[in-house]
Amino acid sequence: MERREPISVVVVDDHALFRAGLISLLSTFPEFRVVGEAGNGKEALEVIARTQPEIVLLDVNMPVMDGVKTVQALRQRGEKCRVVMLTISRKQEDLVGALRAGAQGYLLKNAEPEELRRGMLNLAADKGVLSPDLADQVIVALRQSGMESLQEPLTERELEVLRCLADGMTTAQIARHLIISVNTVKTHVRNILSKLDASNRTEAVRVAIQRGLVGEN
């Protein structure tokens, strides 16, 4: 059934000019309706409690309460909103920290308007969102963590496929890169999604970071 009501959004950023520009941009997308804004995490918690948005666009580095602590507070309170970090930070600790705290996505502020729009629509459909520019950071995070949290560890080949997914490769590209068939790639992807309890490739990468997966060299 096609949705009729626009998706409610709260914008959280400590830079008023950027916040105003983002709200203006969102007003051009008929799929979204901004129901509130805030300049820091503490204000955001109050606005979100009052407006109950479906999506929160949240900066990472803010005064009073930063983005990661805000996500943690939202999850502790049981808020159901989906959170995507919208930031200039490419730091691995910010990316991993936000995803582990419970954010469903991480986008850079240099994203094109259509990329932001698509990402938010994916978020509303309960899918993960990750800026393509952060693929290398994801790979590093995968290599630096462990697989203890998985009941059924990924095989070495599945880890290789997962790294390719994090690098934004298509099924055909992965097949060429690993010199295996397309059908074999699809089988590995199905196994990865099953083991990570993920519904799609982007979510698999996000879950992998949250669970601390390792890719050995």
N, C-alpha and C. Protein backbone atom coordinates (compact mmCIF):
# COMPACT_ATOMS: atom_id res chain seq x y z
N MET A 1 0.84 -1.20 0.00
CA MET A 1 0.00 0.00 0.00
C MET A 1 0.88 1.25 0.00
N GLU A 2 0.60 2.16 -0.91
CA GLU A 2 1.40 3.37 -1.02
C GLU A 2 1.13 4.32 0.13
N ARG A 3 2.20 4.85 0.68
CA ARG A 3 2.07 5.76 1.80
C ARG A 3 1.58 7.13 1.34
N ARG A 4 0.70 7.76 2.14
CA ARG A 4 0.17 9.07 1.80
C ARG A 4 0.75 10.17 2.67
N GLU A 5 0.89 9.90 3.96
CA GLU A 5 1.40 10.91 4.87
C GLU A 5 2.92 11.05 4.72
N PRO A 6 3.44 12.29 4.74
CA PRO A 6 4.89 12.47 4.66
C PRO A 6 5.59 11.92 5.91
N ILE A 7 6.84 11.59 5.75
CA ILE A 7 7.65 11.04 6.84
C ILE A 7 8.11 12.19 7.74
N SER A 8 7.85 12.08 9.02
CA SER A 8 8.20 13.16 9.97
C SER A 8 9.68 13.11 10.32
N VAL A 9 10.30 14.30 10.36
CA VAL A 9 11.75 14.40 10.54
C VAL A 9 12.09 15.48 11.57
N VAL A 10 13.10 15.19 12.40
CA VAL A 10 13.68 16.20 13.28
C VAL A 10 15.14 16.39 12.86
N VAL A 11 15.55 17.65 12.74
CA VAL A 11 16.91 18.00 12.32
C VAL A 11 17.69 18.50 13.54
N VAL A 12 18.86 17.89 13.80
CA VAL A 12 19.66 18.27 14.96
C VAL A 12 21.08 18.62 14.51
N ASP A 13 21.45 19.88 14.67
CA ASP A 13 22.78 20.35 14.29
C ASP A 13 23.06 21.65 15.03
N ASP A 14 24.29 21.82 15.52
CA ASP A 14 24.59 23.01 16.32
C ASP A 14 24.86 24.25 15.46
N HIS A 15 24.97 24.09 14.14
CA HIS A 15 25.19 25.23 13.27
C HIS A 15 23.84 25.68 12.68
N ALA A 16 23.35 26.80 13.15
CA ALA A 16 22.01 27.27 12.77
C ALA A 16 21.86 27.47 11.27
N LEU A 17 22.92 27.97 10.62
CA LEU A 17 22.83 28.23 9.19
C LEU A 17 22.69 26.92 8.41
N PHE A 18 23.50 25.92 8.77
CA PHE A 18 23.38 24.62 8.11
C PHE A 18 22.02 24.00 8.38
N ARG A 19 21.57 24.12 9.62
CA ARG A 19 20.28 23.55 10.01
C ARG A 19 19.15 24.17 9.18
N ALA A 20 19.19 25.48 9.02
CA ALA A 20 18.16 26.17 8.24
C ALA A 20 18.22 25.75 6.77
N GLY A 21 19.42 25.61 6.24
CA GLY A 21 19.56 25.19 4.85
C GLY A 21 19.05 23.78 4.63
N LEU A 22 19.32 22.90 5.59
CA LEU A 22 18.87 21.51 5.48
C LEU A 22 17.35 21.43 5.55
N ILE A 23 16.77 22.19 6.46
CA ILE A 23 15.31 22.21 6.57
C ILE A 23 14.69 22.74 5.29
N SER A 24 15.31 23.77 4.70
CA SER A 24 14.83 24.32 3.44
C SER A 24 14.90 23.27 2.33
N LEU A 25 16.00 22.50 2.30
CA LEU A 25 16.14 21.45 1.29
C LEU A 25 15.07 20.38 1.48
N LEU A 26 14.87 19.95 2.71
CA LEU A 26 13.88 18.90 2.98
C LEU A 26 12.47 19.34 2.59
N SER A 27 12.22 20.65 2.66
CA SER A 27 10.89 21.16 2.30
C SER A 27 10.60 20.98 0.81
N THR A 28 11.66 20.76 0.01
CA THR A 28 11.46 20.54 -1.43
C THR A 28 11.15 19.08 -1.75
N PHE A 29 11.29 18.20 -0.76
CA PHE A 29 10.98 16.78 -0.94
C PHE A 29 9.58 16.51 -0.39
N PRO A 30 8.63 16.16 -1.21
CA PRO A 30 7.26 15.94 -0.72
C PRO A 30 7.13 14.75 0.22
N GLU A 31 8.13 13.88 0.22
CA GLU A 31 8.03 12.68 1.06
C GLU A 31 8.28 12.97 2.54
N PHE A 32 8.83 14.18 2.85
CA PHE A 32 9.23 14.46 4.23
C PHE A 32 8.57 15.72 4.77
N ARG A 33 8.44 15.74 6.09
CA ARG A 33 7.89 16.92 6.78
C ARG A 33 8.71 17.13 8.06
N VAL A 34 9.39 18.27 8.16
CA VAL A 34 10.18 18.58 9.35
C VAL A 34 9.24 19.01 10.47
N VAL A 35 9.31 18.30 11.59
CA VAL A 35 8.41 18.58 12.71
C VAL A 35 9.14 19.21 13.90
N GLY A 36 10.48 19.33 13.78
CA GLY A 36 11.22 19.94 14.88
C GLY A 36 12.69 20.07 14.55
N GLU A 37 13.39 20.89 15.35
CA GLU A 37 14.82 21.07 15.17
C GLU A 37 15.45 21.34 16.54
N ALA A 38 16.76 21.10 16.61
CA ALA A 38 17.48 21.32 17.86
C ALA A 38 18.93 21.61 17.57
N GLY A 39 19.60 22.30 18.51
CA GLY A 39 20.99 22.69 18.33
C GLY A 39 21.98 21.84 19.08
N ASN A 40 21.50 20.91 19.91
CA ASN A 40 22.39 19.98 20.60
C ASN A 40 21.59 18.76 21.04
N GLY A 41 22.29 17.78 21.58
CA GLY A 41 21.64 16.54 21.95
C GLY A 41 20.59 16.68 23.04
N LYS A 42 20.89 17.51 24.03
CA LYS A 42 19.93 17.69 25.12
C LYS A 42 18.62 18.27 24.62
N GLU A 43 18.72 19.31 23.77
CA GLU A 43 17.51 19.88 23.17
C GLU A 43 16.80 18.84 22.31
N ALA A 44 17.60 18.04 21.59
CA ALA A 44 17.03 17.04 20.69
C ALA A 44 16.16 16.04 21.45
N LEU A 45 16.62 15.59 22.62
CA LEU A 45 15.84 14.63 23.40
C LEU A 45 14.47 15.19 23.75
N GLU A 46 14.42 16.46 24.08
CA GLU A 46 13.15 17.10 24.42
C GLU A 46 12.25 17.22 23.19
N VAL A 47 12.83 17.65 22.07
CA VAL A 47 12.05 17.82 20.83
C VAL A 47 11.53 16.48 20.33
N ILE A 48 12.38 15.46 20.38
CA ILE A 48 11.99 14.13 19.90
C ILE A 48 10.88 13.54 20.77
N ALA A 49 11.00 13.72 22.09
CA ALA A 49 9.96 13.22 22.99
C ALA A 49 8.62 13.88 22.71
N ARG A 50 8.66 15.16 22.32
CA ARG A 50 7.44 15.91 22.08
C ARG A 50 6.83 15.62 20.71
N THR A 51 7.68 15.46 19.69
CA THR A 51 7.17 15.35 18.32
C THR A 51 7.10 13.91 17.80
N GLN A 52 7.85 12.99 18.41
CA GLN A 52 7.85 11.58 18.01
C GLN A 52 8.07 11.42 16.50
N PRO A 53 9.21 11.89 15.99
CA PRO A 53 9.47 11.77 14.55
C PRO A 53 9.82 10.34 14.15
N GLU A 54 9.71 10.07 12.88
CA GLU A 54 10.12 8.77 12.35
C GLU A 54 11.61 8.74 12.06
N ILE A 55 12.17 9.89 11.65
CA ILE A 55 13.58 9.97 11.31
C ILE A 55 14.21 11.16 12.03
N VAL A 56 15.44 10.95 12.51
CA VAL A 56 16.21 12.04 13.11
C VAL A 56 17.52 12.17 12.34
N LEU A 57 17.78 13.36 11.81
CA LEU A 57 19.06 13.67 11.19
C LEU A 57 19.92 14.32 12.27
N LEU A 58 21.03 13.69 12.61
CA LEU A 58 21.77 14.06 13.82
C LEU A 58 23.25 14.28 13.53
N ASP A 59 23.75 15.43 13.92
CA ASP A 59 25.18 15.71 13.80
C ASP A 59 25.95 14.92 14.86
N VAL A 60 27.23 14.69 14.63
CA VAL A 60 28.05 13.95 15.60
C VAL A 60 28.62 14.88 16.65
N ASN A 61 29.34 15.89 16.20
CA ASN A 61 30.05 16.78 17.13
C ASN A 61 29.19 18.01 17.45
N MET A 62 28.67 18.04 18.69
CA MET A 62 27.83 19.14 19.14
C MET A 62 28.13 19.44 20.60
N PRO A 63 27.88 20.68 21.04
CA PRO A 63 28.08 21.02 22.45
C PRO A 63 26.97 20.41 23.33
N VAL A 64 27.20 20.43 24.62
CA VAL A 64 26.25 19.96 25.64
C VAL A 64 26.10 18.44 25.63
N MET A 65 25.63 17.89 24.52
CA MET A 65 25.54 16.43 24.36
C MET A 65 25.78 16.08 22.91
N ASP A 66 26.80 15.26 22.64
CA ASP A 66 27.15 14.96 21.25
C ASP A 66 26.19 13.92 20.65
N GLY A 67 26.41 13.64 19.37
CA GLY A 67 25.49 12.77 18.66
C GLY A 67 25.45 11.34 19.16
N VAL A 68 26.62 10.77 19.46
CA VAL A 68 26.67 9.38 19.91
C VAL A 68 25.95 9.23 21.25
N LYS A 69 26.20 10.15 22.18
CA LYS A 69 25.53 10.08 23.48
C LYS A 69 24.02 10.29 23.32
N THR A 70 23.64 11.10 22.35
CA THR A 70 22.22 11.31 22.09
C THR A 70 21.55 10.03 21.61
N VAL A 71 22.22 9.33 20.69
CA VAL A 71 21.68 8.05 20.20
C VAL A 71 21.55 7.06 21.36
N GLN A 72 22.57 6.99 22.19
CA GLN A 72 22.53 6.09 23.35
C GLN A 72 21.34 6.42 24.25
N ALA A 73 21.12 7.71 24.49
CA ALA A 73 20.01 8.13 25.34
C ALA A 73 18.67 7.78 24.71
N LEU A 74 18.56 7.95 23.40
CA LEU A 74 17.32 7.62 22.70
C LEU A 74 17.01 6.13 22.83
N ARG A 75 18.01 5.29 22.67
CA ARG A 75 17.79 3.85 22.74
C ARG A 75 17.47 3.43 24.18
N GLN A 76 18.12 4.06 25.14
CA GLN A 76 17.84 3.74 26.54
C GLN A 76 16.40 4.11 26.91
N ARG A 77 15.89 5.16 26.30
CA ARG A 77 14.52 5.60 26.56
C ARG A 77 13.49 4.82 25.75
N GLY A 78 13.98 4.00 24.82
CA GLY A 78 13.07 3.20 24.02
C GLY A 78 12.42 3.93 22.86
N GLU A 79 13.00 5.07 22.47
CA GLU A 79 12.45 5.80 21.32
C GLU A 79 12.59 4.96 20.05
N LYS A 80 11.57 4.98 19.22
CA LYS A 80 11.53 4.14 18.02
C LYS A 80 12.02 4.84 16.77
N CYS A 81 12.39 6.11 16.88
CA CYS A 81 12.83 6.85 15.69
C CYS A 81 14.09 6.23 15.09
N ARG A 82 14.20 6.36 13.79
CA ARG A 82 15.40 5.90 13.08
C ARG A 82 16.37 7.07 12.98
N VAL A 83 17.63 6.81 13.28
CA VAL A 83 18.62 7.89 13.35
C VAL A 83 19.68 7.71 12.28
N VAL A 84 19.94 8.78 11.53
CA VAL A 84 21.07 8.79 10.61
C VAL A 84 21.96 9.97 11.00
N MET A 85 23.24 9.67 11.18
CA MET A 85 24.21 10.71 11.49
C MET A 85 24.51 11.47 10.19
N LEU A 86 24.44 12.79 10.25
CA LEU A 86 24.76 13.63 9.09
C LEU A 86 25.86 14.57 9.54
N THR A 87 27.09 14.33 9.08
CA THR A 87 28.25 14.95 9.70
C THR A 87 29.38 15.16 8.71
N ILE A 88 30.37 15.95 9.12
CA ILE A 88 31.59 16.08 8.32
C ILE A 88 32.65 15.09 8.78
N SER A 89 32.40 14.43 9.90
CA SER A 89 33.42 13.57 10.50
C SER A 89 33.59 12.26 9.74
N ARG A 90 34.82 11.99 9.35
CA ARG A 90 35.17 10.73 8.72
C ARG A 90 35.93 9.83 9.69
N LYS A 91 36.01 10.24 10.96
CA LYS A 91 36.78 9.48 11.93
C LYS A 91 36.15 8.12 12.18
N GLN A 92 37.00 7.10 12.20
CA GLN A 92 36.50 5.75 12.41
C GLN A 92 35.80 5.62 13.75
N GLU A 93 36.34 6.28 14.79
CA GLU A 93 35.72 6.15 16.11
C GLU A 93 34.32 6.75 16.14
N ASP A 94 34.09 7.82 15.35
CA ASP A 94 32.76 8.41 15.28
C ASP A 94 31.79 7.49 14.53
N LEU A 95 32.26 6.96 13.40
CA LEU A 95 31.44 6.06 12.59
C LEU A 95 31.06 4.82 13.38
N VAL A 96 32.06 4.14 13.93
CA VAL A 96 31.81 2.91 14.68
C VAL A 96 31.01 3.19 15.94
N GLY A 97 31.36 4.27 16.64
CA GLY A 97 30.65 4.62 17.86
C GLY A 97 29.17 4.88 17.63
N ALA A 98 28.86 5.58 16.54
CA ALA A 98 27.47 5.89 16.24
C ALA A 98 26.67 4.64 15.89
N LEU A 99 27.25 3.77 15.07
CA LEU A 99 26.54 2.56 14.67
C LEU A 99 26.37 1.61 15.84
N ARG A 100 27.39 1.52 16.68
CA ARG A 100 27.27 0.65 17.85
C ARG A 100 26.27 1.20 18.86
N ALA A 101 26.13 2.51 18.89
CA ALA A 101 25.16 3.13 19.82
C ALA A 101 23.72 2.86 19.37
N GLY A 102 23.55 2.56 18.10
CA GLY A 102 22.21 2.26 17.61
C GLY A 102 21.73 3.09 16.44
N ALA A 103 22.61 3.93 15.87
CA ALA A 103 22.22 4.69 14.68
C ALA A 103 22.05 3.73 13.50
N GLN A 104 21.07 4.01 12.65
CA GLN A 104 20.83 3.16 11.48
C GLN A 104 21.57 3.61 10.25
N GLY A 105 22.22 4.77 10.32
CA GLY A 105 22.92 5.24 9.14
C GLY A 105 23.96 6.30 9.46
N TYR A 106 24.83 6.55 8.48
CA TYR A 106 25.90 7.53 8.64
C TYR A 106 26.20 8.13 7.27
N LEU A 107 25.86 9.41 7.12
CA LEU A 107 26.08 10.11 5.85
C LEU A 107 26.96 11.34 6.08
N LEU A 108 27.75 11.66 5.08
CA LEU A 108 28.59 12.86 5.14
C LEU A 108 27.81 14.07 4.62
N LYS A 109 28.18 15.23 5.12
CA LYS A 109 27.46 16.44 4.74
C LYS A 109 27.74 16.87 3.31
N ASN A 110 28.71 16.22 2.67
CA ASN A 110 28.95 16.54 1.26
C ASN A 110 28.10 15.69 0.32
N ALA A 111 27.15 14.94 0.90
CA ALA A 111 26.26 14.11 0.08
C ALA A 111 25.41 14.99 -0.84
N GLU A 112 25.13 14.47 -2.01
CA GLU A 112 24.23 15.17 -2.93
C GLU A 112 22.80 15.11 -2.37
N PRO A 113 21.98 16.11 -2.68
CA PRO A 113 20.59 16.10 -2.18
C PRO A 113 19.84 14.80 -2.49
N GLU A 114 20.03 14.26 -3.69
CA GLU A 114 19.31 13.03 -4.05
C GLU A 114 19.82 11.84 -3.25
N GLU A 115 21.12 11.85 -2.92
CA GLU A 115 21.66 10.78 -2.08
C GLU A 115 21.04 10.82 -0.69
N LEU A 116 20.89 12.03 -0.15
CA LEU A 116 20.24 12.19 1.15
C LEU A 116 18.79 11.73 1.08
N ARG A 117 18.10 12.14 0.04
CA ARG A 117 16.69 11.75 -0.13
C ARG A 117 16.54 10.24 -0.19
N ARG A 118 17.34 9.59 -1.03
CA ARG A 118 17.27 8.13 -1.15
C ARG A 118 17.61 7.45 0.17
N GLY A 119 18.63 7.99 0.84
CA GLY A 119 19.03 7.40 2.11
C GLY A 119 17.92 7.48 3.15
N MET A 120 17.24 8.61 3.20
CA MET A 120 16.16 8.77 4.16
C MET A 120 14.98 7.87 3.82
N LEU A 121 14.71 7.69 2.54
CA LEU A 121 13.63 6.78 2.15
C LEU A 121 13.98 5.35 2.52
N ASN A 122 15.24 4.98 2.34
CA ASN A 122 15.69 3.64 2.75
C ASN A 122 15.56 3.49 4.26
N LEU A 123 15.91 4.54 4.97
CA LEU A 123 15.81 4.51 6.43
C LEU A 123 14.36 4.30 6.86
N ALA A 124 13.45 5.00 6.20
CA ALA A 124 12.03 4.87 6.53
C ALA A 124 11.52 3.47 6.23
N ALA A 125 12.18 2.79 5.29
CA ALA A 125 11.82 1.41 4.95
C ALA A 125 12.57 0.42 5.82
N ASP A 126 13.18 0.91 6.90
CA ASP A 126 13.89 0.08 7.87
C ASP A 126 15.14 -0.55 7.28
N LYS A 127 15.81 0.19 6.40
CA LYS A 127 17.08 -0.25 5.84
C LYS A 127 18.19 0.64 6.37
N GLY A 128 19.41 0.15 6.32
CA GLY A 128 20.54 0.95 6.76
C GLY A 128 21.00 1.92 5.68
N VAL A 129 21.76 2.92 6.10
CA VAL A 129 22.27 3.94 5.18
C VAL A 129 23.75 4.19 5.50
N LEU A 130 24.59 4.15 4.47
CA LEU A 130 26.01 4.40 4.68
C LEU A 130 26.58 5.16 3.50
N SER A 131 27.30 6.25 3.79
CA SER A 131 27.92 7.03 2.73
C SER A 131 28.96 6.19 2.00
N PRO A 132 28.91 6.14 0.66
CA PRO A 132 29.90 5.37 -0.10
C PRO A 132 31.34 5.80 0.20
N ASP A 133 31.54 7.07 0.56
CA ASP A 133 32.88 7.57 0.84
C ASP A 133 33.50 6.94 2.08
N LEU A 134 32.68 6.24 2.88
CA LEU A 134 33.18 5.68 4.14
C LEU A 134 33.51 4.20 4.04
N ALA A 135 33.52 3.67 2.83
CA ALA A 135 33.78 2.24 2.65
C ALA A 135 35.12 1.83 3.26
N ASP A 136 36.16 2.64 3.05
CA ASP A 136 37.48 2.31 3.59
C ASP A 136 37.46 2.26 5.11
N GLN A 137 36.73 3.19 5.72
CA GLN A 137 36.64 3.21 7.18
C GLN A 137 35.96 1.94 7.69
N VAL A 138 34.95 1.49 6.97
CA VAL A 138 34.25 0.27 7.35
C VAL A 138 35.19 -0.92 7.29
N ILE A 139 35.97 -0.98 6.23
CA ILE A 139 36.90 -2.10 6.06
C ILE A 139 37.91 -2.12 7.20
N VAL A 140 38.46 -0.96 7.54
CA VAL A 140 39.41 -0.88 8.65
C VAL A 140 38.76 -1.36 9.94
N ALA A 141 37.52 -0.93 10.17
CA ALA A 141 36.81 -1.33 11.39
C ALA A 141 36.61 -2.84 11.43
N LEU A 142 36.30 -3.43 10.28
CA LEU A 142 36.12 -4.87 10.21
C LEU A 142 37.42 -5.60 10.53
N ARG A 143 38.53 -5.06 10.07
CA ARG A 143 39.82 -5.71 10.27
C ARG A 143 40.33 -5.58 11.70
N GLN A 144 39.88 -4.55 12.40
CA GLN A 144 40.41 -4.28 13.73
C GLN A 144 39.58 -4.86 14.86
N SER A 145 38.50 -5.54 14.53
CA SER A 145 37.64 -6.07 15.58
C SER A 145 37.56 -7.59 15.51
N GLY A 146 36.80 -8.20 16.41
CA GLY A 146 36.75 -9.66 16.51
C GLY A 146 35.39 -10.24 16.20
N MET A 147 35.31 -11.57 16.03
CA MET A 147 34.07 -12.22 15.63
C MET A 147 33.40 -12.97 16.78
N GLU A 148 33.79 -12.69 18.01
CA GLU A 148 33.29 -13.46 19.13
C GLU A 148 31.78 -13.36 19.30
N SER A 149 31.18 -12.25 18.85
CA SER A 149 29.75 -12.04 19.10
C SER A 149 28.85 -12.85 18.18
N LEU A 150 29.43 -13.48 17.16
CA LEU A 150 28.61 -14.27 16.24
C LEU A 150 28.48 -15.71 16.74
N GLN A 151 27.25 -16.23 16.76
CA GLN A 151 27.05 -17.62 17.13
C GLN A 151 27.64 -18.54 16.07
N GLU A 152 27.50 -18.16 14.81
CA GLU A 152 28.07 -18.92 13.71
C GLU A 152 29.01 -18.01 12.93
N PRO A 153 30.34 -18.14 13.16
CA PRO A 153 31.30 -17.22 12.54
C PRO A 153 31.24 -17.28 11.02
N LEU A 154 31.60 -16.17 10.42
CA LEU A 154 31.70 -16.12 8.97
C LEU A 154 32.95 -16.88 8.52
N THR A 155 32.84 -17.52 7.36
CA THR A 155 34.01 -18.18 6.80
C THR A 155 34.95 -17.14 6.21
N GLU A 156 36.16 -17.57 5.90
CA GLU A 156 37.13 -16.63 5.32
C GLU A 156 36.61 -16.06 4.01
N ARG A 157 35.99 -16.89 3.19
CA ARG A 157 35.46 -16.41 1.92
C ARG A 157 34.30 -15.44 2.15
N GLU A 158 33.45 -15.71 3.13
CA GLU A 158 32.35 -14.80 3.44
C GLU A 158 32.87 -13.46 3.93
N LEU A 159 33.97 -13.48 4.68
CA LEU A 159 34.59 -12.23 5.12
C LEU A 159 35.10 -11.43 3.92
N GLU A 160 35.68 -12.14 2.95
CA GLU A 160 36.15 -11.46 1.74
C GLU A 160 34.99 -10.82 0.99
N VAL A 161 33.88 -11.54 0.88
CA VAL A 161 32.70 -11.00 0.21
C VAL A 161 32.15 -9.81 1.00
N LEU A 162 32.15 -9.92 2.34
CA LEU A 162 31.66 -8.82 3.17
C LEU A 162 32.50 -7.57 2.96
N ARG A 163 33.81 -7.71 2.86
CA ARG A 163 34.67 -6.55 2.60
C ARG A 163 34.33 -5.93 1.25
N CYS A 164 34.05 -6.76 0.27
CA CYS A 164 33.66 -6.25 -1.05
C CYS A 164 32.33 -5.49 -0.97
N LEU A 165 31.40 -6.02 -0.19
CA LEU A 165 30.12 -5.34 -0.01
C LEU A 165 30.35 -3.97 0.64
N ALA A 166 31.21 -3.94 1.65
CA ALA A 166 31.51 -2.67 2.32
C ALA A 166 32.17 -1.69 1.37
N ASP A 167 32.85 -2.22 0.37
CA ASP A 167 33.53 -1.36 -0.61
C ASP A 167 32.59 -0.92 -1.72
N GLY A 168 31.32 -1.31 -1.61
CA GLY A 168 30.32 -0.85 -2.56
C GLY A 168 30.27 -1.63 -3.86
N MET A 169 30.87 -2.82 -3.91
CA MET A 169 30.89 -3.59 -5.15
C MET A 169 29.54 -4.24 -5.42
N THR A 170 29.22 -4.38 -6.70
CA THR A 170 28.03 -5.12 -7.12
C THR A 170 28.35 -6.61 -7.12
N THR A 171 27.32 -7.43 -7.31
CA THR A 171 27.53 -8.89 -7.36
C THR A 171 28.50 -9.26 -8.46
N ALA A 172 28.33 -8.67 -9.63
CA ALA A 172 29.21 -8.98 -10.76
C ALA A 172 30.65 -8.55 -10.48
N GLN A 173 30.82 -7.39 -9.85
CA GLN A 173 32.16 -6.90 -9.53
C GLN A 173 32.85 -7.81 -8.51
N ILE A 174 32.08 -8.28 -7.53
CA ILE A 174 32.65 -9.19 -6.54
C ILE A 174 33.09 -10.48 -7.20
N ALA A 175 32.26 -10.99 -8.11
CA ALA A 175 32.59 -12.23 -8.82
C ALA A 175 33.90 -12.09 -9.59
N ARG A 176 34.06 -10.97 -10.29
CA ARG A 176 35.31 -10.74 -11.04
C ARG A 176 36.49 -10.58 -10.09
N HIS A 177 36.28 -9.85 -9.00
CA HIS A 177 37.37 -9.56 -8.06
C HIS A 177 37.87 -10.84 -7.38
N LEU A 178 36.95 -11.71 -7.00
CA LEU A 178 37.33 -12.92 -6.27
C LEU A 178 37.48 -14.13 -7.19
N ILE A 179 37.21 -13.92 -8.49
CA ILE A 179 37.33 -14.97 -9.51
C ILE A 179 36.43 -16.16 -9.14
N ILE A 180 35.17 -15.85 -8.86
CA ILE A 180 34.16 -16.87 -8.60
C ILE A 180 32.92 -16.52 -9.40
N SER A 181 31.97 -17.44 -9.46
CA SER A 181 30.77 -17.19 -10.26
C SER A 181 29.81 -16.25 -9.54
N VAL A 182 28.93 -15.64 -10.33
CA VAL A 182 27.91 -14.75 -9.77
C VAL A 182 27.01 -15.52 -8.81
N ASN A 183 26.65 -16.75 -9.18
CA ASN A 183 25.79 -17.55 -8.31
C ASN A 183 26.46 -17.87 -6.98
N THR A 184 27.76 -18.08 -7.02
CA THR A 184 28.50 -18.33 -5.78
C THR A 184 28.50 -17.10 -4.89
N VAL A 185 28.67 -15.93 -5.51
CA VAL A 185 28.62 -14.68 -4.74
C VAL A 185 27.26 -14.53 -4.07
N LYS A 186 26.20 -14.80 -4.84
CA LYS A 186 24.85 -14.68 -4.28
C LYS A 186 24.64 -15.63 -3.10
N THR A 187 25.21 -16.82 -3.20
CA THR A 187 25.12 -17.78 -2.10
C THR A 187 25.83 -17.26 -0.86
N HIS A 188 27.03 -16.70 -1.06
CA HIS A 188 27.78 -16.15 0.07
C HIS A 188 27.02 -14.97 0.70
N VAL A 189 26.44 -14.12 -0.13
CA VAL A 189 25.69 -12.97 0.39
C VAL A 189 24.50 -13.44 1.21
N ARG A 190 23.79 -14.47 0.71
CA ARG A 190 22.66 -15.01 1.48
C ARG A 190 23.12 -15.54 2.84
N ASN A 191 24.26 -16.22 2.84
CA ASN A 191 24.79 -16.76 4.09
C ASN A 191 25.18 -15.63 5.06
N ILE A 192 25.79 -14.58 4.50
CA ILE A 192 26.20 -13.44 5.33
C ILE A 192 24.98 -12.78 5.96
N LEU A 193 23.96 -12.54 5.14
CA LEU A 193 22.75 -11.90 5.65
C LEU A 193 22.10 -12.76 6.73
N SER A 194 22.10 -14.07 6.52
CA SER A 194 21.51 -14.97 7.50
C SER A 194 22.28 -14.96 8.81
N LYS A 195 23.61 -15.05 8.73
CA LYS A 195 24.43 -15.10 9.93
C LYS A 195 24.40 -13.78 10.71
N LEU A 196 24.27 -12.68 9.98
CA LEU A 196 24.23 -11.37 10.63
C LEU A 196 22.81 -10.93 10.95
N ASP A 197 21.83 -11.76 10.56
CA ASP A 197 20.42 -11.42 10.76
C ASP A 197 20.11 -10.06 10.14
N ALA A 198 20.60 -9.86 8.93
CA ALA A 198 20.43 -8.59 8.21
C ALA A 198 19.50 -8.80 7.02
N SER A 199 18.75 -7.76 6.67
CA SER A 199 17.78 -7.87 5.58
C SER A 199 18.34 -7.42 4.24
N ASN A 200 19.47 -6.70 4.25
CA ASN A 200 20.07 -6.23 3.00
C ASN A 200 21.56 -5.99 3.21
N ARG A 201 22.24 -5.65 2.12
CA ARG A 201 23.69 -5.53 2.16
C ARG A 201 24.17 -4.39 3.06
N THR A 202 23.50 -3.24 2.96
CA THR A 202 23.91 -2.10 3.78
C THR A 202 23.74 -2.41 5.26
N GLU A 203 22.64 -3.05 5.59
CA GLU A 203 22.42 -3.41 6.99
C GLU A 203 23.46 -4.42 7.46
N ALA A 204 23.88 -5.32 6.57
CA ALA A 204 24.90 -6.30 6.93
C ALA A 204 26.20 -5.62 7.34
N VAL A 205 26.59 -4.58 6.60
CA VAL A 205 27.80 -3.84 6.95
C VAL A 205 27.64 -3.15 8.30
N ARG A 206 26.46 -2.56 8.52
CA ARG A 206 26.21 -1.88 9.79
C ARG A 206 26.25 -2.87 10.96
N VAL A 207 25.59 -4.02 10.79
CA VAL A 207 25.56 -5.03 11.84
C VAL A 207 26.96 -5.57 12.10
N ALA A 208 27.74 -5.71 11.02
CA ALA A 208 29.11 -6.21 11.16
C ALA A 208 29.94 -5.31 12.06
N ILE A 209 29.78 -4.01 11.90
CA ILE A 209 30.51 -3.07 12.75
C ILE A 209 30.00 -3.16 14.19
N GLN A 210 28.70 -3.21 14.36
CA GLN A 210 28.13 -3.28 15.71
C GLN A 210 28.61 -4.52 16.45
N ARG A 211 28.75 -5.63 15.73
CA ARG A 211 29.14 -6.89 16.37
C ARG A 211 30.64 -7.08 16.41
N GLY A 212 31.38 -6.19 15.77
CA GLY A 212 32.83 -6.25 15.82
C GLY A 212 33.44 -7.37 15.02
N LEU A 213 33.08 -7.47 13.75
CA LEU A 213 33.63 -8.52 12.90
C LEU A 213 35.07 -8.23 12.49
N VAL A 214 35.84 -9.29 12.21
CA VAL A 214 37.22 -9.14 11.78
C VAL A 214 37.38 -9.72 10.39
N GLY A 215 38.14 -9.03 9.56
CA GLY A 215 38.58 -9.59 8.30
C GLY A 215 40.08 -9.77 8.37
N GLU A 216 40.53 -11.00 8.32
CA GLU A 216 41.97 -11.25 8.42
C GLU A 216 42.62 -11.07 7.06
N ASN A 217 43.85 -10.58 7.09
CA ASN A 217 44.58 -10.35 5.84
C ASN A 217 44.98 -11.67 5.21
